[in-house]
Structures are given as C-alpha cells and as structure tokens.
C-alpha atoms as a PDB file:
ATOM      1  CA  MET A   1      29.028  51.056  33.734  1.00  0.00           C
ATOM      2  CA  TYR A   2      31.044  53.703  31.866  1.00  0.00           C
ATOM      3  CA  ALA A   3      28.491  56.368  32.755  1.00  0.00           C
ATOM      4  CA  PHE A   4      28.800  55.399  36.427  1.00  0.00           C
ATOM      5  CA  ILE A   5      32.608  55.691  36.276  1.00  0.00           C
ATOM      6  CA  TRP A   6      32.351  59.025  34.436  1.00  0.00           C
ATOM      7  CA  ARG A   7      29.993  60.401  37.094  1.00  0.00           C
ATOM      8  CA  LYS A   8      32.236  59.270  39.965  1.00  0.00           C
ATOM      9  CA  LEU A   9      35.459  60.804  38.594  1.00  0.00           C
ATOM     10  CA  PRO A  10      36.233  64.111  40.347  1.00  0.00           C
ATOM     11  CA  PHE A  11      37.456  67.599  39.266  1.00  0.00           C
ATOM     12  CA  GLY A  12      35.138  68.525  36.389  1.00  0.00           C
ATOM     13  CA  LEU A  13      35.729  67.785  32.719  1.00  0.00           C
ATOM     14  CA  ALA A  14      39.530  68.081  32.808  1.00  0.00           C
ATOM     15  CA  GLY A  15      39.777  65.765  35.811  1.00  0.00           C
ATOM     16  CA  LYS A  16      37.388  63.287  34.225  1.00  0.00           C
ATOM     17  CA  LEU A  17      39.448  63.187  31.011  1.00  0.00           C
ATOM     18  CA  VAL A  18      42.724  62.725  32.896  1.00  0.00           C
ATOM     19  CA  GLY A  19      41.113  60.147  35.197  1.00  0.00           C
ATOM     20  CA  SER A  20      39.717  58.239  32.220  1.00  0.00           C
ATOM     21  CA  VAL A  21      43.126  58.128  30.538  1.00  0.00           C
ATOM     22  CA  LEU A  22      44.750  56.960  33.777  1.00  0.00           C
ATOM     23  CA  LEU A  23      42.119  54.246  34.286  1.00  0.00           C
ATOM     24  CA  ALA A  24      42.564  53.048  30.690  1.00  0.00           C
ATOM     25  CA  ALA A  25      46.373  53.014  31.083  1.00  0.00           C
ATOM     26  CA  ALA A  26      46.122  51.129  34.378  1.00  0.00           C
ATOM     27  CA  THR A  27      43.822  48.556  32.760  1.00  0.00           C
ATOM     28  CA  VAL A  28      46.186  48.053  29.821  1.00  0.00           C
ATOM     29  CA  ALA A  29      49.195  47.755  32.164  1.00  0.00           C
ATOM     30  CA  LEU A  30      47.361  45.235  34.354  1.00  0.00           C
ATOM     31  CA  LEU A  31      46.472  43.121  31.329  1.00  0.00           C
ATOM     32  CA  TRP A  32      49.950  43.475  29.743  1.00  0.00           C
ATOM     33  CA  TYR A  33      52.051  42.718  32.820  1.00  0.00           C
ATOM     34  CA  VAL A  34      49.778  40.421  34.866  1.00  0.00           C
ATOM     35  CA  ALA A  35      46.958  38.757  32.933  1.00  0.00           C
ATOM     36  CA  PHE A  36      48.677  38.012  29.621  1.00  0.00           C
ATOM     37  CA  PRO A  37      51.901  36.590  31.139  1.00  0.00           C
ATOM     38  CA  TRP A  38      49.766  34.373  33.380  1.00  0.00           C
ATOM     39  CA  ALA A  39      47.700  33.101  30.419  1.00  0.00           C
ATOM     40  CA  GLU A  40      50.574  32.682  27.936  1.00  0.00           C
ATOM     41  CA  PRO A  41      51.630  29.147  29.029  1.00  0.00           C
ATOM     42  CA  LEU A  42      48.011  28.042  28.708  1.00  0.00           C
ATOM     43  CA  LEU A  43      47.698  29.188  25.077  1.00  0.00           C
ATOM     44  CA  PRO A  44      49.001  27.150  22.092  1.00  0.00           C
ATOM     45  CA  PHE A  45      50.622  30.052  20.180  1.00  0.00           C
ATOM     46  CA  ASP A  46      54.210  28.866  20.763  1.00  0.00           C
ATOM     47  CA  ASP A  47      53.455  25.190  20.164  1.00  0.00           C
ATOM     48  CA  VAL A  48      54.908  25.137  16.651  1.00  0.00           C
ATOM     49  CA  GLN A  49      56.722  22.119  15.264  1.00  0.00           C
ATOM     50  CA  VAL A  50      58.087  22.548  11.767  1.00  0.00           C
ATOM     51  CA  THR A  51      60.031  19.668  10.304  1.00  0.00           C
ATOM     52  CA  GLN A  52      61.152  19.012   6.772  1.00  0.00           C
ATOM     53  CA  GLU A  53      61.063  15.261   7.166  1.00  0.00           C
ATOM     54  CA  ASP A  54      57.275  15.022   7.544  1.00  0.00           C
ATOM     55  CA  SER A  55      54.964  16.079   4.734  1.00  0.00           C
ATOM     56  CA  GLY A  56      51.907  15.895   6.969  1.00  0.00           C
ATOM     57  CA  VAL A  57      50.194  13.260   4.855  1.00  0.00           C
ATOM     58  CA  PRO A  58      50.494   9.664   6.087  1.00  0.00           C
ATOM     59  CA  GLY A  59      52.099   7.364   3.524  1.00  0.00           C
ATOM     60  CA  GLU A  60      53.460  10.194   1.370  1.00  0.00           C
ATOM     61  CA  PRO A  61      57.256  10.417   1.013  1.00  0.00           C
ATOM     62  CA  SER A  62      59.028  13.542   2.210  1.00  0.00           C
ATOM     63  CA  ASP A  63      61.194  15.895   0.106  1.00  0.00           C
ATOM     64  CA  GLY A  64      64.536  14.775   1.483  1.00  0.00           C
ATOM     65  CA  ASP A  65      66.393  12.144   3.390  1.00  0.00           C
ATOM     66  CA  ALA A  66      65.897  12.836   7.104  1.00  0.00           C
ATOM     67  CA  VAL A  67      69.106  11.045   8.070  1.00  0.00           C
ATOM     68  CA  THR A  68      71.622  12.566   5.639  1.00  0.00           C
ATOM     69  CA  GLY A  69      69.785  15.785   4.776  1.00  0.00           C
ATOM     70  CA  ASP A  70      70.182  15.211   1.019  1.00  0.00           C
ATOM     71  CA  THR A  71      67.741  17.024  -1.198  1.00  0.00           C
ATOM     72  CA  PRO A  72      66.385  15.543  -4.405  1.00  0.00           C
ATOM     73  CA  ALA A  73      68.144  16.351  -7.672  1.00  0.00           C
ATOM     74  CA  GLY A  74      67.030  19.430  -9.590  1.00  0.00           C
ATOM     75  CA  ASP A  75      66.767  23.108  -8.948  1.00  0.00           C
ATOM     76  CA  GLU A  76      64.205  23.799  -6.258  1.00  0.00           C
ATOM     77  CA  HIS A  77      63.860  27.370  -7.527  1.00  0.00           C
ATOM     78  CA  ASP A  78      62.976  26.361 -11.080  1.00  0.00           C
ATOM     79  CA  LEU A  79      59.973  28.316 -12.343  1.00  0.00           C
ATOM     80  CA  PRO A  80      57.359  26.402 -14.357  1.00  0.00           C
ATOM     81  CA  TYR A  81      56.946  29.239 -16.865  1.00  0.00           C
ATOM     82  CA  ASP A  82      59.037  31.458 -19.102  1.00  0.00           C
ATOM     83  CA  THR A  83      59.923  34.738 -17.411  1.00  0.00           C
ATOM     84  CA  GLU A  84      61.437  36.297 -20.540  1.00  0.00           C
ATOM     85  CA  ARG A  85      58.134  36.242 -22.392  1.00  0.00           C
ATOM     86  CA  ASN A  86      56.299  37.902 -19.479  1.00  0.00           C
ATOM     87  CA  ASN A  87      58.487  41.012 -19.612  1.00  0.00           C
ATOM     88  CA  PRO A  88      57.335  43.342 -22.417  1.00  0.00           C
ATOM     89  CA  GLU A  89      59.922  44.897 -24.659  1.00  0.00           C
ATOM     90  CA  PRO A  90      60.566  48.569 -23.860  1.00  0.00           C
ATOM     91  CA  SER A  91      58.960  50.802 -26.422  1.00  0.00           C
ATOM     92  CA  SER A  92      61.193  53.097 -28.452  1.00  0.00           C
ATOM     93  CA  THR A  93      58.569  55.793 -28.875  1.00  0.00           C
ATOM     94  CA  SER A  94      59.057  58.951 -26.862  1.00  0.00           C
ATOM     95  CA  ARG A  95      56.404  61.368 -25.721  1.00  0.00           C
END
C-alpha cells in the first residue's frame, strides 16, 4: 500500500517527500479532530470514581466516618521505621 502511494505521488523525490509529510499530517489531523473526539464518549477512560468512604472490600470498615469526615486518631504520616538511623554520619576525613 505504501509503495503504491509512493509511486502515485508526483514531482520526483522532493515532491514525494513533501506529499508524504502532508498525507501523514492530514491523517493525524483527521484522527485527532474527528475520530478520537467521536470515540471518546465510548471509552471508559474518564469513568473514574474515587471515594474515601469505600475501601473496595465488602465488609471491611473504611478509614473515616463518611458522614462527619473525621479521620481516625494518630498521625497518618507516621513512618514505621527510624529515619535517623538510615542517614549515615558525615565523615570528617578530607581528600
């Protein structure tokens, strides 16, 4: 198919290169402005429902009260390990 298009484009090598670029740009524009907008409502990419009240597992309690918005007691950013021990002491030796 591409060989057929290449043979049918006029004006020698320069015309074939310019014609190929124009055909590729026209194809991309047709897809971008016509085909993709038509297909977008049919695709589930924007069907996102994120809620904090549902953990996704039936019978498992959620992390907060859905009515009042209260969060459980404790620091939610508490790390389960010691960060001071993970940082090595700077060495005093110079090169």
